[in-house]
Protein backbone atom coordinates (compact mmCIF):
# COMPACT_ATOMS: atom_id res chain seq x y z
CA GLY A 1 94.21 100.08 133.05
CA ALA A 2 92.16 97.14 131.86
CA CYS A 3 93.41 97.27 128.37
CA VAL A 4 97.02 96.96 129.50
CA ILE A 5 95.90 94.07 131.80
CA PHE A 6 94.07 92.52 128.97
CA ILE A 7 97.37 92.79 126.86
CA VAL A 8 99.50 91.17 129.59
CA VAL A 9 97.04 88.24 130.32
CA CYS A 10 96.88 87.50 126.76
CA GLU A 11 100.85 87.58 126.34
CA LEU A 12 101.36 85.57 129.27
CA PHE A 13 98.60 82.97 129.41
CA ILE A 14 95.74 83.03 126.79
CA VAL A 15 97.19 83.29 123.23
CA SER A 16 99.89 81.01 122.04
CA ALA A 17 103.13 82.90 121.19
CA VAL A 18 103.11 82.30 117.61
CA GLU A 19 99.42 83.80 117.24
CA TRP A 20 100.19 86.45 119.85
CA HIS A 21 103.11 87.72 117.71
CA LYS A 22 101.04 88.09 114.82
CA ILE A 23 98.47 90.31 116.27
CA ARG A 24 100.31 92.12 119.02
CA GLY A 25 101.37 95.18 117.09
CA SER A 26 97.89 96.04 115.86
CA LEU A 27 96.40 95.50 119.25
CA LEU A 28 98.81 97.70 120.81
CA VAL A 29 97.97 100.53 118.15
CA VAL A 30 94.29 99.91 118.81
CA VAL A 31 95.08 100.32 122.85
CA MET A 32 97.08 103.56 121.85
CA LYS A 33 94.11 105.03 119.92
CA LEU A 34 91.78 104.40 122.75
CA ILE A 35 93.93 105.90 125.47
CA SER A 36 94.65 108.99 123.20
CA LEU A 37 91.13 109.23 122.25
CA SER A 38 90.06 109.36 126.12
CA PHE A 39 92.69 111.99 126.79
CA ASP A 40 91.40 114.16 123.81
CA ILE A 41 87.88 114.00 125.03
CA ASP A 42 88.93 114.81 128.77
CA ALA A 43 90.84 117.90 127.41
CA SER A 44 87.60 118.89 125.36
CA ILE A 45 85.36 118.97 128.29
CA PRO A 46 85.44 122.32 130.19
CA LEU A 47 86.43 122.26 133.85
CA SER A 48 82.87 123.27 134.90
CA GLU A 49 81.36 120.22 133.54
CA LYS A 50 83.87 117.95 134.94
CA LYS A 51 82.39 118.29 138.62
CA SER A 52 79.07 117.16 137.31
CA PRO A 53 78.12 113.81 136.64
CA PRO A 54 79.63 112.46 133.54
CA SER A 55 77.57 112.95 130.06
CA THR A 56 78.04 111.19 126.80
CA SER A 57 77.66 114.28 124.84
CA HIS A 58 81.48 114.47 124.17
CA LEU A 59 81.82 110.93 123.16
CA PRO A 60 81.76 110.02 119.46
CA ASN A 61 79.29 107.55 118.43
CA PHE A 62 79.97 103.84 118.07
CA ILE A 63 80.44 103.64 114.20
CA SER A 64 82.90 106.71 114.38
CA TYR A 65 84.99 105.06 117.08
CA LEU A 66 85.02 101.81 115.15
CA SER A 67 86.12 103.43 111.96
CA TYR A 68 89.00 105.29 113.72
CA SER A 69 90.30 102.30 115.91
CA ILE A 70 90.45 99.53 113.30
CA PHE A 71 91.06 101.87 110.19
CA PRO A 72 93.67 99.76 108.20
CA ALA A 73 95.61 102.49 106.88
CA THR A 74 96.65 103.49 110.43
CA THR A 75 96.36 100.35 112.37
CA ILE A 76 98.18 98.20 110.44
CA PHE A 77 100.19 100.13 107.84
CA GLY A 78 100.83 103.29 110.30
CA PRO A 79 101.23 106.14 110.91
CA TYR A 80 99.43 106.87 114.13
CA THR A 81 96.80 109.59 113.84
CA THR A 82 94.64 111.44 116.47
CA TYR A 83 90.69 111.22 116.35
CA ASP A 84 90.58 114.74 114.87
CA GLU A 85 93.21 113.90 112.28
CA HIS A 86 90.92 110.71 111.31
CA LEU A 87 87.83 112.82 111.00
CA LYS A 88 89.46 115.12 108.57
CA TYR A 89 91.09 112.30 106.58
CA THR A 90 87.84 110.39 106.28
CA ALA A 91 85.71 113.52 105.43
CA GLY A 92 87.59 113.60 102.12
CA VAL A 93 89.59 116.19 100.04
CA LYS A 94 88.48 118.53 97.69
CA MET A 95 90.11 117.74 94.41
CA SER A 96 91.87 120.39 92.50
CA LEU A 97 95.11 121.06 90.37
CA ASN A 98 97.23 121.25 93.45
CA TRP A 99 95.94 118.13 94.85
CA LEU A 100 96.62 116.26 91.67
CA PHE A 101 100.08 117.92 91.38
CA ASN A 102 100.70 116.39 95.04
CA VAL A 103 99.65 112.97 94.00
CA ILE A 104 101.90 112.76 90.95
CA ARG A 105 104.76 114.38 93.01
CA GLY A 106 104.33 111.70 95.66
CA LEU A 107 104.13 108.78 92.90
CA VAL A 108 107.28 110.18 91.49
CA PHE A 109 109.13 110.19 94.83
CA ALA A 110 107.79 106.71 95.52
CA ILE A 111 108.98 105.13 92.34
CA LEU A 112 112.49 107.01 92.85
CA CYS A 113 112.85 105.59 96.28
CA LEU A 114 112.41 102.12 94.85
């Protein structure tokens, strides 16, 4: 709720229209990632633990969250990814001949689409 209120207040009162239109899209993606992460965390907590006082054991650490929320490949350029997909992406891919083939195929498709 606070994120949406912040965006509305910035849109209407705080930031000039020219500056706001430059950052609005990226800010909306960051807010969407925060909301998505909160739903993912809630879904991962067993129902028996939801009745007890909240614990921070299910939360990502601060650096992991920052890397997810402001990762340029998904915040600025897209596409939207979930936190689990981000962790898989940043963990790296084991390089193999199949991986090299897929890279070359992607490059050929990109050149053909130009």
